[in-house]
Amino acid sequence: MPELGWGRLRCCDCYQLLDSVFTLRAYMRRTSTFHDFRLTDGLQQPDLVALIVALVGIIAVARHQIALNFSSLILSCRLSIGVWGSATISIGFLLGEDDVEQARVRSQV
């Protein structure tokens, strides 16, 4: 038997439980015995964030959220510099063509 550790053991348990739930639900939909009970009418889709937190823990999810926020911030800064640079180049081209009025319009947009 390979050494699984607690993390992989939790994942295996989760997969086994989800497989049991989906198999039972499919069986209940196919057989006519359970149609009168309407057991699956009140079921909703599970919350994905709650499942992820249950699998990996609150600390790991918080760390990933911090990393995603930092990456988004860096991307926003780089994107704004790129837009500023392209606007500067566009205005420079218009000034090079002696189209000052169009350069003023483009600089205000």
PDB file of N, CA and C in Angstrom:
ATOM      1  N   MET A   1       0.854  -1.180   0.000  1.00  0.00           N
ATOM      2  CA  MET A   1       0.000   0.000   0.000  1.00  0.00           C
ATOM      3  C   MET A   1       0.898   1.241   0.000  1.00  0.00           C
ATOM      4  N   PRO A   2       0.692   2.166  -0.941  1.00  0.00           N
ATOM      5  CA  PRO A   2       1.530   3.368  -0.980  1.00  0.00           C
ATOM      6  C   PRO A   2       1.201   4.323   0.164  1.00  0.00           C
ATOM      7  N   GLU A   3       2.192   5.105   0.537  1.00  0.00           N
ATOM      8  CA  GLU A   3       2.012   6.097   1.596  1.00  0.00           C
ATOM      9  C   GLU A   3       1.230   7.278   1.034  1.00  0.00           C
ATOM     10  N   LEU A   4       0.023   7.524   1.521  1.00  0.00           N
ATOM     11  CA  LEU A   4      -0.826   8.576   0.974  1.00  0.00           C
ATOM     12  C   LEU A   4      -0.703   9.891   1.744  1.00  0.00           C
ATOM     13  N   GLY A   5      -0.622   9.830   3.035  1.00  0.00           N
ATOM     14  CA  GLY A   5      -0.618  11.058   3.821  1.00  0.00           C
ATOM     15  C   GLY A   5      -2.042  11.551   4.039  1.00  0.00           C
ATOM     16  N   TRP A   6      -2.179  12.511   4.963  1.00  0.00           N
ATOM     17  CA  TRP A   6      -3.520  12.992   5.310  1.00  0.00           C
ATOM     18  C   TRP A   6      -4.175  13.772   4.184  1.00  0.00           C
ATOM     19  N   GLY A   7      -3.382  14.543   3.437  1.00  0.00           N
ATOM     20  CA  GLY A   7      -3.969  15.344   2.361  1.00  0.00           C
ATOM     21  C   GLY A   7      -4.588  14.493   1.271  1.00  0.00           C
ATOM     22  N   ARG A   8      -3.857  13.505   0.813  1.00  0.00           N
ATOM     23  CA  ARG A   8      -4.391  12.636  -0.243  1.00  0.00           C
ATOM     24  C   ARG A   8      -5.501  11.742   0.279  1.00  0.00           C
ATOM     25  N   LEU A   9      -5.417  11.383   1.528  1.00  0.00           N
ATOM     26  CA  LEU A   9      -6.476  10.572   2.113  1.00  0.00           C
ATOM     27  C   LEU A   9      -7.787  11.351   2.146  1.00  0.00           C
ATOM     28  N   ARG A  10      -7.722  12.653   2.487  1.00  0.00           N
ATOM     29  CA  ARG A  10      -8.928  13.494   2.465  1.00  0.00           C
ATOM     30  C   ARG A  10      -9.485  13.619   1.063  1.00  0.00           C
ATOM     31  N   CYS A  11      -8.603  13.775   0.061  1.00  0.00           N
ATOM     32  CA  CYS A  11      -9.067  13.879  -1.320  1.00  0.00           C
ATOM     33  C   CYS A  11      -9.749  12.592  -1.770  1.00  0.00           C
ATOM     34  N   CYS A  12      -9.157  11.454  -1.417  1.00  0.00           N
ATOM     35  CA  CYS A  12      -9.767  10.166  -1.789  1.00  0.00           C
ATOM     36  C   CYS A  12     -11.133  10.004  -1.128  1.00  0.00           C
ATOM     37  N   ASP A  13     -11.232  10.386   0.140  1.00  0.00           N
ATOM     38  CA  ASP A  13     -12.525  10.314   0.825  1.00  0.00           C
ATOM     39  C   ASP A  13     -13.556  11.214   0.164  1.00  0.00           C
ATOM     40  N   CYS A  14     -13.138  12.421  -0.221  1.00  0.00           N
ATOM     41  CA  CYS A  14     -14.049  13.360  -0.857  1.00  0.00           C
ATOM     42  C   CYS A  14     -14.531  12.824  -2.202  1.00  0.00           C
ATOM     43  N   TYR A  15     -13.609  12.277  -2.996  1.00  0.00           N
ATOM     44  CA  TYR A  15     -13.995  11.718  -4.287  1.00  0.00           C
ATOM     45  C   TYR A  15     -14.952  10.541  -4.112  1.00  0.00           C
ATOM     46  N   GLN A  16     -14.702   9.712  -3.114  1.00  0.00           N
ATOM     47  CA  GLN A  16     -15.560   8.566  -2.876  1.00  0.00           C
ATOM     48  C   GLN A  16     -16.954   9.015  -2.452  1.00  0.00           C
ATOM     49  N   LEU A  17     -17.028  10.037  -1.594  1.00  0.00           N
ATOM     50  CA  LEU A  17     -18.338  10.529  -1.168  1.00  0.00           C
ATOM     51  C   LEU A  17     -19.100  11.184  -2.315  1.00  0.00           C
ATOM     52  N   LEU A  18     -18.401  11.973  -3.130  1.00  0.00           N
ATOM     53  CA  LEU A  18     -19.066  12.586  -4.282  1.00  0.00           C
ATOM     54  C   LEU A  18     -19.548  11.541  -5.271  1.00  0.00           C
ATOM     55  N   ASP A  19     -18.751  10.495  -5.480  1.00  0.00           N
ATOM     56  CA  ASP A  19     -19.158   9.416  -6.375  1.00  0.00           C
ATOM     57  C   ASP A  19     -20.406   8.727  -5.839  1.00  0.00           C
ATOM     58  N   SER A  20     -20.452   8.509  -4.528  1.00  0.00           N
ATOM     59  CA  SER A  20     -21.633   7.883  -3.933  1.00  0.00           C
ATOM     60  C   SER A  20     -22.874   8.754  -4.095  1.00  0.00           C
ATOM     61  N   VAL A  21     -22.729  10.056  -3.887  1.00  0.00           N
ATOM     62  CA  VAL A  21     -23.869  10.966  -4.006  1.00  0.00           C
ATOM     63  C   VAL A  21     -24.402  10.996  -5.430  1.00  0.00           C
ATOM     64  N   PHE A  22     -23.502  11.129  -6.411  1.00  0.00           N
ATOM     65  CA  PHE A  22     -23.947  11.206  -7.802  1.00  0.00           C
ATOM     66  C   PHE A  22     -24.525   9.883  -8.299  1.00  0.00           C
ATOM     67  N   THR A  23     -23.957   8.777  -7.854  1.00  0.00           N
ATOM     68  CA  THR A  23     -24.492   7.468  -8.241  1.00  0.00           C
ATOM     69  C   THR A  23     -25.875   7.262  -7.648  1.00  0.00           C
ATOM     70  N   LEU A  24     -26.055   7.594  -6.384  1.00  0.00           N
ATOM     71  CA  LEU A  24     -27.366   7.453  -5.749  1.00  0.00           C
ATOM     72  C   LEU A  24     -28.398   8.372  -6.403  1.00  0.00           C
ATOM     73  N   ARG A  25     -28.009   9.571  -6.734  1.00  0.00           N
ATOM     74  CA  ARG A  25     -28.938  10.503  -7.385  1.00  0.00           C
ATOM     75  C   ARG A  25     -29.346   9.999  -8.771  1.00  0.00           C
ATOM     76  N   ALA A  26     -28.389   9.476  -9.529  1.00  0.00           N
ATOM     77  CA  ALA A  26     -28.715   8.922 -10.843  1.00  0.00           C
ATOM     78  C   ALA A  26     -29.630   7.721 -10.714  1.00  0.00           C
ATOM     79  N   TYR A  27     -29.387   6.874  -9.720  1.00  0.00           N
ATOM     80  CA  TYR A  27     -30.244   5.712  -9.509  1.00  0.00           C
ATOM     81  C   TYR A  27     -31.660   6.135  -9.133  1.00  0.00           C
ATOM     82  N   MET A  28     -31.761   7.152  -8.280  1.00  0.00           N
ATOM     83  CA  MET A  28     -33.082   7.605  -7.849  1.00  0.00           C
ATOM     84  C   MET A  28     -33.856   8.247  -9.000  1.00  0.00           C
ATOM     85  N   ARG A  29     -33.188   8.875  -9.929  1.00  0.00           N
ATOM     86  CA  ARG A  29     -33.876   9.468 -11.077  1.00  0.00           C
ATOM     87  C   ARG A  29     -34.367   8.416 -12.060  1.00  0.00           C
ATOM     88  N   ARG A  30     -33.624   7.326 -12.192  1.00  0.00           N
ATOM     89  CA  ARG A  30     -33.966   6.309 -13.192  1.00  0.00           C
ATOM     90  C   ARG A  30     -35.061   5.360 -12.732  1.00  0.00           C
ATOM     91  N   THR A  31     -35.129   5.064 -11.449  1.00  0.00           N
ATOM     92  CA  THR A  31     -36.125   4.108 -10.974  1.00  0.00           C
ATOM     93  C   THR A  31     -37.426   4.827 -10.651  1.00  0.00           C
ATOM     94  N   SER A  32     -38.520   4.155 -10.903  1.00  0.00           N
ATOM     95  CA  SER A  32     -39.834   4.768 -10.666  1.00  0.00           C
ATOM     96  C   SER A  32     -40.242   4.699  -9.201  1.00  0.00           C
ATOM     97  N   THR A  33     -39.540   3.946  -8.395  1.00  0.00           N
ATOM     98  CA  THR A  33     -39.893   3.790  -6.984  1.00  0.00           C
ATOM     99  C   THR A  33     -39.775   5.104  -6.220  1.00  0.00           C
ATOM    100  N   PHE A  34     -38.774   5.905  -6.551  1.00  0.00           N
ATOM    101  CA  PHE A  34     -38.497   7.107  -5.779  1.00  0.00           C
ATOM    102  C   PHE A  34     -39.142   8.370  -6.350  1.00  0.00           C
ATOM    103  N   HIS A  35     -39.884   8.265  -7.443  1.00  0.00           N
ATOM    104  CA  HIS A  35     -40.483   9.459  -8.043  1.00  0.00           C
ATOM    105  C   HIS A  35     -41.541  10.105  -7.139  1.00  0.00           C
ATOM    106  N   ASP A  36     -42.274   9.295  -6.380  1.00  0.00           N
ATOM    107  CA  ASP A  36     -43.311   9.845  -5.508  1.00  0.00           C
ATOM    108  C   ASP A  36     -42.728  10.618  -4.323  1.00  0.00           C
ATOM    109  N   PHE A  37     -41.530  10.273  -3.908  1.00  0.00           N
ATOM    110  CA  PHE A  37     -40.926  10.923  -2.745  1.00  0.00           C
ATOM    111  C   PHE A  37     -40.363  12.308  -3.077  1.00  0.00           C
ATOM    112  N   ARG A  38     -39.968  12.525  -4.305  1.00  0.00           N
ATOM    113  CA  ARG A  38     -39.384  13.796  -4.774  1.00  0.00           C
ATOM    114  C   ARG A  38     -38.239  14.246  -3.863  1.00  0.00           C
ATOM    115  N   LEU A  39     -37.302  13.369  -3.682  1.00  0.00           N
ATOM    116  CA  LEU A  39     -36.179  13.650  -2.787  1.00  0.00           C
ATOM    117  C   LEU A  39     -35.168  14.617  -3.395  1.00  0.00           C
ATOM    118  N   THR A  40     -35.099  14.675  -4.713  1.00  0.00           N
ATOM    119  CA  THR A  40     -34.085  15.517  -5.356  1.00  0.00           C
ATOM    120  C   THR A  40     -34.617  16.887  -5.758  1.00  0.00           C
ATOM    121  N   ASP A  41     -35.863  17.208  -5.447  1.00  0.00           N
ATOM    122  CA  ASP A  41     -36.413  18.511  -5.842  1.00  0.00           C
ATOM    123  C   ASP A  41     -35.765  19.668  -5.090  1.00  0.00           C
ATOM    124  N   GLY A  42     -35.429  19.486  -3.838  1.00  0.00           N
ATOM    125  CA  GLY A  42     -34.880  20.566  -3.038  1.00  0.00           C
ATOM    126  C   GLY A  42     -33.360  20.682  -3.103  1.00  0.00           C
ATOM    127  N   LEU A  43     -32.708  19.812  -3.869  1.00  0.00           N
ATOM    128  CA  LEU A  43     -31.248  19.858  -3.934  1.00  0.00           C
ATOM    129  C   LEU A  43     -30.779  21.001  -4.811  1.00  0.00           C
ATOM    130  N   GLN A  44     -29.736  21.644  -4.372  1.00  0.00           N
ATOM    131  CA  GLN A  44     -29.123  22.716  -5.136  1.00  0.00           C
ATOM    132  C   GLN A  44     -27.680  22.335  -5.410  1.00  0.00           C
ATOM    133  N   GLN A  45     -27.061  23.042  -6.350  1.00  0.00           N
ATOM    134  CA  GLN A  45     -25.661  22.776  -6.624  1.00  0.00           C
ATOM    135  C   GLN A  45     -24.820  23.262  -5.442  1.00  0.00           C
ATOM    136  N   PRO A  46     -23.777  22.501  -5.111  1.00  0.00           N
ATOM    137  CA  PRO A  46     -22.955  22.909  -3.967  1.00  0.00           C
ATOM    138  C   PRO A  46     -22.140  24.159  -4.279  1.00  0.00           C
ATOM    139  N   ASP A  47     -21.806  24.889  -3.238  1.00  0.00           N
ATOM    140  CA  ASP A  47     -20.985  26.083  -3.370  1.00  0.00           C
ATOM    141  C   ASP A  47     -19.539  25.660  -3.588  1.00  0.00           C
ATOM    142  N   LEU A  48     -18.950  26.073  -4.713  1.00  0.00           N
ATOM    143  CA  LEU A  48     -17.603  25.642  -5.072  1.00  0.00           C
ATOM    144  C   LEU A  48     -16.565  26.154  -4.087  1.00  0.00           C
ATOM    145  N   VAL A  49     -16.728  27.379  -3.612  1.00  0.00           N
ATOM    146  CA  VAL A  49     -15.759  27.942  -2.664  1.00  0.00           C
ATOM    147  C   VAL A  49     -15.775  27.153  -1.359  1.00  0.00           C
ATOM    148  N   ALA A  50     -16.953  26.770  -0.909  1.00  0.00           N
ATOM    149  CA  ALA A  50     -17.049  25.992   0.328  1.00  0.00           C
ATOM    150  C   ALA A  50     -16.375  24.632   0.172  1.00  0.00           C
ATOM    151  N   LEU A  51     -16.515  24.022  -1.010  1.00  0.00           N
ATOM    152  CA  LEU A  51     -15.857  22.738  -1.242  1.00  0.00           C
ATOM    153  C   LEU A  51     -14.344  22.880  -1.268  1.00  0.00           C
ATOM    154  N   ILE A  52     -13.842  23.945  -1.888  1.00  0.00           N
ATOM    155  CA  ILE A  52     -12.395  24.162  -1.942  1.00  0.00           C
ATOM    156  C   ILE A  52     -11.849  24.428  -0.550  1.00  0.00           C
ATOM    157  N   VAL A  53     -12.562  25.238   0.237  1.00  0.00           N
ATOM    158  CA  VAL A  53     -12.123  25.521   1.603  1.00  0.00           C
ATOM    159  C   VAL A  53     -12.127  24.237   2.423  1.00  0.00           C
ATOM    160  N   ALA A  54     -13.115  23.381   2.212  1.00  0.00           N
ATOM    161  CA  ALA A  54     -13.174  22.130   2.953  1.00  0.00           C
ATOM    162  C   ALA A  54     -12.016  21.208   2.573  1.00  0.00           C
ATOM    163  N   LEU A  55     -11.586  21.258   1.330  1.00  0.00           N
ATOM    164  CA  LEU A  55     -10.503  20.377   0.887  1.00  0.00           C
ATOM    165  C   LEU A  55      -9.124  20.863   1.328  1.00  0.00           C
ATOM    166  N   VAL A  56      -8.823  22.131   1.111  1.00  0.00           N
ATOM    167  CA  VAL A  56      -7.454  22.600   1.338  1.00  0.00           C
ATOM    168  C   VAL A  56      -7.291  23.441   2.595  1.00  0.00           C
ATOM    169  N   GLY A  57      -8.340  23.952   3.156  1.00  0.00           N
ATOM    170  CA  GLY A  57      -8.241  24.734   4.387  1.00  0.00           C
ATOM    171  C   GLY A  57      -8.309  26.226   4.133  1.00  0.00           C
ATOM    172  N   ILE A  58      -8.634  26.958   5.180  1.00  0.00           N
ATOM    173  CA  ILE A  58      -8.849  28.400   5.080  1.00  0.00           C
ATOM    174  C   ILE A  58      -7.539  29.135   4.800  1.00  0.00           C
ATOM    175  N   ILE A  59      -6.454  28.711   5.433  1.00  0.00           N
ATOM    176  CA  ILE A  59      -5.174  29.399   5.283  1.00  0.00           C
ATOM    177  C   ILE A  59      -4.674  29.308   3.841  1.00  0.00           C
ATOM    178  N   ALA A  60      -4.770  28.134   3.248  1.00  0.00           N
ATOM    179  CA  ALA A  60      -4.306  27.967   1.867  1.00  0.00           C
ATOM    180  C   ALA A  60      -5.147  28.790   0.899  1.00  0.00           C
ATOM    181  N   VAL A  61      -6.462  28.834   1.115  1.00  0.00           N
ATOM    182  CA  VAL A  61      -7.323  29.637   0.244  1.00  0.00           C
ATOM    183  C   VAL A  61      -7.011  31.122   0.406  1.00  0.00           C
ATOM    184  N   ALA A  62      -6.747  31.558   1.634  1.00  0.00           N
ATOM    185  CA  ALA A  62      -6.398  32.970   1.864  1.00  0.00           C
ATOM    186  C   ALA A  62      -5.071  33.318   1.195  1.00  0.00           C
ATOM    187  N   ARG A  63      -4.106  32.420   1.260  1.00  0.00           N
ATOM    188  CA  ARG A  63      -2.818  32.664   0.592  1.00  0.00           C
ATOM    189  C   ARG A  63      -2.992  32.782  -0.912  1.00  0.00           C
ATOM    190  N   HIS A  64      -3.790  31.904  -1.477  1.00  0.00           N
ATOM    191  CA  HIS A  64      -4.035  31.978  -2.920  1.00  0.00           C
ATOM    192  C   HIS A  64      -4.765  33.269  -3.294  1.00  0.00           C
ATOM    193  N   GLN A  65      -5.683  33.704  -2.451  1.00  0.00           N
ATOM    194  CA  GLN A  65      -6.413  34.942  -2.721  1.00  0.00           C
ATOM    195  C   GLN A  65      -5.476  36.142  -2.690  1.00  0.00           C
ATOM    196  N   ILE A  66      -4.540  36.153  -1.747  1.00  0.00           N
ATOM    197  CA  ILE A  66      -3.563  37.239  -1.684  1.00  0.00           C
ATOM    198  C   ILE A  66      -2.688  37.236  -2.927  1.00  0.00           C
ATOM    199  N   ALA A  67      -2.250  36.049  -3.356  1.00  0.00           N
ATOM    200  CA  ALA A  67      -1.412  35.954  -4.558  1.00  0.00           C
ATOM    201  C   ALA A  67      -2.176  36.417  -5.800  1.00  0.00           C
ATOM    202  N   LEU A  68      -3.455  36.058  -5.904  1.00  0.00           N
ATOM    203  CA  LEU A  68      -4.257  36.492  -7.052  1.00  0.00           C
ATOM    204  C   LEU A  68      -4.468  38.002  -7.049  1.00  0.00           C
ATOM    205  N   ASN A  69      -4.715  38.583  -5.884  1.00  0.00           N
ATOM    206  CA  ASN A  69      -4.884  40.039  -5.802  1.00  0.00           C
ATOM    207  C   ASN A  69      -3.599  40.764  -6.183  1.00  0.00           C
ATOM    208  N   PHE A  70      -2.457  40.264  -5.719  1.00  0.00           N
ATOM    209  CA  PHE A  70      -1.185  40.883  -6.071  1.00  0.00           C
ATOM    210  C   PHE A  70      -0.919  40.774  -7.573  1.00  0.00           C
ATOM    211  N   SER A  71      -1.204  39.610  -8.155  1.00  0.00           N
ATOM    212  CA  SER A  71      -1.019  39.437  -9.599  1.00  0.00           C
ATOM    213  C   SER A  71      -1.929  40.371 -10.394  1.00  0.00           C
ATOM    214  N   SER A  72      -3.155  40.545  -9.942  1.00  0.00           N
ATOM    215  CA  SER A  72      -4.082  41.459 -10.617  1.00  0.00           C
ATOM    216  C   SER A  72      -3.603  42.894 -10.535  1.00  0.00           C
ATOM    217  N   LEU A  73      -3.045  43.266  -9.390  1.00  0.00           N
ATOM    218  CA  LEU A  73      -2.511  44.618  -9.225  1.00  0.00           C
ATOM    219  C   LEU A  73      -1.344  44.866 -10.170  1.00  0.00           C
ATOM    220  N   ILE A  74      -0.438  43.923 -10.256  1.00  0.00           N
ATOM    221  CA  ILE A  74       0.712  44.067 -11.146  1.00  0.00           C
ATOM    222  C   ILE A  74       0.255  44.129 -12.603  1.00  0.00           C
ATOM    223  N   LEU A  75      -0.711  43.293 -12.966  1.00  0.00           N
ATOM    224  CA  LEU A  75      -1.231  43.312 -14.337  1.00  0.00           C
ATOM    225  C   LEU A  75      -1.886  44.650 -14.656  1.00  0.00           C
ATOM    226  N   SER A  76      -2.641  45.196 -13.697  1.00  0.00           N
ATOM    227  CA  SER A  76      -3.292  46.495 -13.922  1.00  0.00           C
ATOM    228  C   SER A  76      -2.270  47.601 -14.130  1.00  0.00           C
ATOM    229  N   CYS A  77      -1.210  47.581 -13.345  1.00  0.00           N
ATOM    230  CA  CYS A  77      -0.157  48.603 -13.508  1.00  0.00           C
ATOM    231  C   CYS A  77       0.513  48.483 -14.875  1.00  0.00           C
ATOM    232  N   ARG A  78       0.856  47.265 -15.264  1.00  0.00           N
ATOM    233  CA  ARG A  78       1.512  47.071 -16.561  1.00  0.00           C
ATOM    234  C   ARG A  78       0.580  47.441 -17.714  1.00  0.00           C
ATOM    235  N   LEU A  79      -0.692  47.120 -17.572  1.00  0.00           N
ATOM    236  CA  LEU A  79      -1.651  47.444 -18.620  1.00  0.00           C
ATOM    237  C   LEU A  79      -1.841  48.945 -18.743  1.00  0.00           C
ATOM    238  N   SER A  80      -1.892  49.648 -17.620  1.00  0.00           N
ATOM    239  CA  SER A  80      -2.065  51.101 -17.696  1.00  0.00           C
ATOM    240  C   SER A  80      -0.836  51.770 -18.302  1.00  0.00           C
ATOM    241  N   ILE A  81       0.339  51.259 -18.009  1.00  0.00           N
ATOM    242  CA  ILE A  81       1.549  51.806 -18.635  1.00  0.00           C
ATOM    243  C   ILE A  81       1.533  51.547 -20.135  1.00  0.00           C
ATOM    244  N   GLY A  82       1.067  50.376 -20.545  1.00  0.00           N
ATOM    245  CA  GLY A  82       0.978  50.053 -21.970  1.00  0.00           C
ATOM    246  C   GLY A  82      -0.014  50.943 -22.699  1.00  0.00           C
ATOM    247  N   VAL A  83      -1.163  51.209 -22.081  1.00  0.00           N
ATOM    248  CA  VAL A  83      -2.164  52.085 -22.697  1.00  0.00           C
ATOM    249  C   VAL A  83      -1.629  53.505 -22.774  1.00  0.00           C
ATOM    250  N   TRP A  84      -0.947  53.969 -21.719  1.00  0.00           N
ATOM    251  CA  TRP A  84      -0.364  55.305 -21.712  1.00  0.00           C
ATOM    252  C   TRP A  84       0.696  55.422 -22.808  1.00  0.00           C
ATOM    253  N   GLY A  85       1.503  54.379 -22.973  1.00  0.00           N
ATOM    254  CA  GLY A  85       2.534  54.394 -24.007  1.00  0.00           C
ATOM    255  C   GLY A  85       1.956  54.410 -25.404  1.00  0.00           C
ATOM    256  N   SER A  86       0.907  53.636 -25.631  1.00  0.00           N
ATOM    257  CA  SER A  86       0.301  53.618 -26.963  1.00  0.00           C
ATOM    258  C   SER A  86      -0.400  54.940 -27.263  1.00  0.00           C
ATOM    259  N   ALA A  87      -0.987  55.573 -26.252  1.00  0.00           N
ATOM    260  CA  ALA A  87      -1.600  56.882 -26.467  1.00  0.00           C
ATOM    261  C   ALA A  87      -0.540  57.924 -26.796  1.00  0.00           C
ATOM    262  N   THR A  88       0.598  57.859 -26.129  1.00  0.00           N
ATOM    263  CA  THR A  88       1.689  58.791 -26.400  1.00  0.00           C
ATOM    264  C   THR A  88       2.215  58.621 -27.823  1.00  0.00           C
ATOM    265  N   ILE A  89       2.360  57.381 -28.256  1.00  0.00           N
ATOM    266  CA  ILE A  89       2.843  57.119 -29.614  1.00  0.00           C
ATOM    267  C   ILE A  89       1.836  57.616 -30.647  1.00  0.00           C
ATOM    268  N   SER A  90       0.543  57.375 -30.374  1.00  0.00           N
ATOM    269  CA  SER A  90      -0.494  57.812 -31.309  1.00  0.00           C
ATOM    270  C   SER A  90      -0.522  59.334 -31.432  1.00  0.00           C
ATOM    271  N   ILE A  91      -0.401  60.029 -30.309  1.00  0.00           N
ATOM    272  CA  ILE A  91      -0.379  61.501 -30.347  1.00  0.00           C
ATOM    273  C   ILE A  91       0.885  61.997 -31.039  1.00  0.00           C
ATOM    274  N   GLY A  92       1.993  61.318 -30.818  1.00  0.00           N
ATOM    275  CA  GLY A  92       3.237  61.687 -31.497  1.00  0.00           C
ATOM    276  C   GLY A  92       3.136  61.546 -33.003  1.00  0.00           C
ATOM    277  N   PHE A  93       2.503  60.487 -33.470  1.00  0.00           N
ATOM    278  CA  PHE A  93       2.302  60.323 -34.911  1.00  0.00           C
ATOM    279  C   PHE A  93       1.443  61.439 -35.491  1.00  0.00           C
ATOM    280  N   LEU A  94       0.375  61.806 -34.764  1.00  0.00           N
ATOM    281  CA  LEU A  94      -0.492  62.877 -35.242  1.00  0.00           C
ATOM    282  C   LEU A  94       0.238  64.217 -35.274  1.00  0.00           C
ATOM    283  N   LEU A  95       1.061  64.486 -34.273  1.00  0.00           N
ATOM    284  CA  LEU A  95       1.844  65.727 -34.276  1.00  0.00           C
ATOM    285  C   LEU A  95       2.883  65.710 -35.392  1.00  0.00           C
ATOM    286  N   GLY A  96       3.415  64.532 -35.689  1.00  0.00           N
ATOM    287  CA  GLY A  96       4.359  64.410 -36.802  1.00  0.00           C
ATOM    288  C   GLY A  96       3.707  64.678 -38.148  1.00  0.00           C
ATOM    289  N   GLU A  97       2.418  64.401 -38.256  1.00  0.00           N
ATOM    290  CA  GLU A  97       1.673  64.677 -39.492  1.00  0.00           C
ATOM    291  C   GLU A  97       1.113  66.095 -39.512  1.00  0.00           C
ATOM    292  N   ASP A  98       1.452  66.916 -38.521  1.00  0.00           N
ATOM    293  CA  ASP A  98       0.965  68.289 -38.371  1.00  0.00           C
ATOM    294  C   ASP A  98      -0.550  68.357 -38.230  1.00  0.00           C
ATOM    295  N   ASP A  99      -1.127  67.357 -37.614  1.00  0.00           N
ATOM    296  CA  ASP A  99      -2.573  67.335 -37.345  1.00  0.00           C
ATOM    297  C   ASP A  99      -2.768  67.637 -35.857  1.00  0.00           C
ATOM    298  N   VAL A 100      -2.576  68.906 -35.496  1.00  0.00           N
ATOM    299  CA  VAL A 100      -2.597  69.316 -34.094  1.00  0.00           C
ATOM    300  C   VAL A 100      -3.998  69.179 -33.501  1.00  0.00           C
ATOM    301  N   GLU A 101      -5.020  69.508 -34.275  1.00  0.00           N
ATOM    302  CA  GLU A 101      -6.397  69.438 -33.760  1.00  0.00           C
ATOM    303  C   GLU A 101      -6.780  68.002 -33.401  1.00  0.00           C
ATOM    304  N   GLN A 102      -6.433  67.047 -34.268  1.00  0.00           N
ATOM    305  CA  GLN A 102      -6.740  65.640 -33.985  1.00  0.00           C
ATOM    306  C   GLN A 102      -5.904  65.133 -32.792  1.00  0.00           C
ATOM    307  N   ALA A 103      -4.676  65.644 -32.646  1.00  0.00           N
ATOM    308  CA  ALA A 103      -3.839  65.271 -31.506  1.00  0.00           C
ATOM    309  C   ALA A 103      -4.447  65.780 -30.201  1.00  0.00           C
ATOM    310  N   ARG A 104      -5.045  66.966 -30.208  1.00  0.00           N
ATOM    311  CA  ARG A 104      -5.720  67.469 -28.999  1.00  0.00           C
ATOM    312  C   ARG A 104      -6.923  66.628 -28.642  1.00  0.00           C
ATOM    313  N   VAL A 105      -7.682  66.242 -29.671  1.00  0.00           N
ATOM    314  CA  VAL A 105      -8.861  65.400 -29.419  1.00  0.00           C
ATOM    315  C   VAL A 105      -8.426  64.050 -28.853  1.00  0.00           C
ATOM    316  N   ARG A 106      -7.405  63.451 -29.451  1.00  0.00           N
ATOM    317  CA  ARG A 106      -6.937  62.148 -29.018  1.00  0.00           C
ATOM    318  C   ARG A 106      -6.337  62.211 -27.620  1.00  0.00           C
ATOM    319  N   SER A 107      -5.726  63.327 -27.229  1.00  0.00           N
ATOM    320  CA  SER A 107      -5.121  63.435 -25.901  1.00  0.00           C
ATOM    321  C   SER A 107      -6.166  63.586 -24.811  1.00  0.00           C
ATOM    322  N   GLN A 108      -7.377  64.012 -25.151  1.00  0.00           N
ATOM    323  CA  GLN A 108      -8.413  64.184 -24.141  1.00  0.00           C
ATOM    324  C   GLN A 108      -9.267  62.933 -23.952  1.00  0.00           C
ATOM    325  N   VAL A 109      -9.127  61.981 -24.817  1.00  0.00           N
ATOM    326  CA  VAL A 109      -9.924  60.758 -24.739  1.00  0.00           C
ATOM    327  C   VAL A 109      -9.372  59.786 -23.771  1.00  0.00           C
TER     328      VAL A 109
END
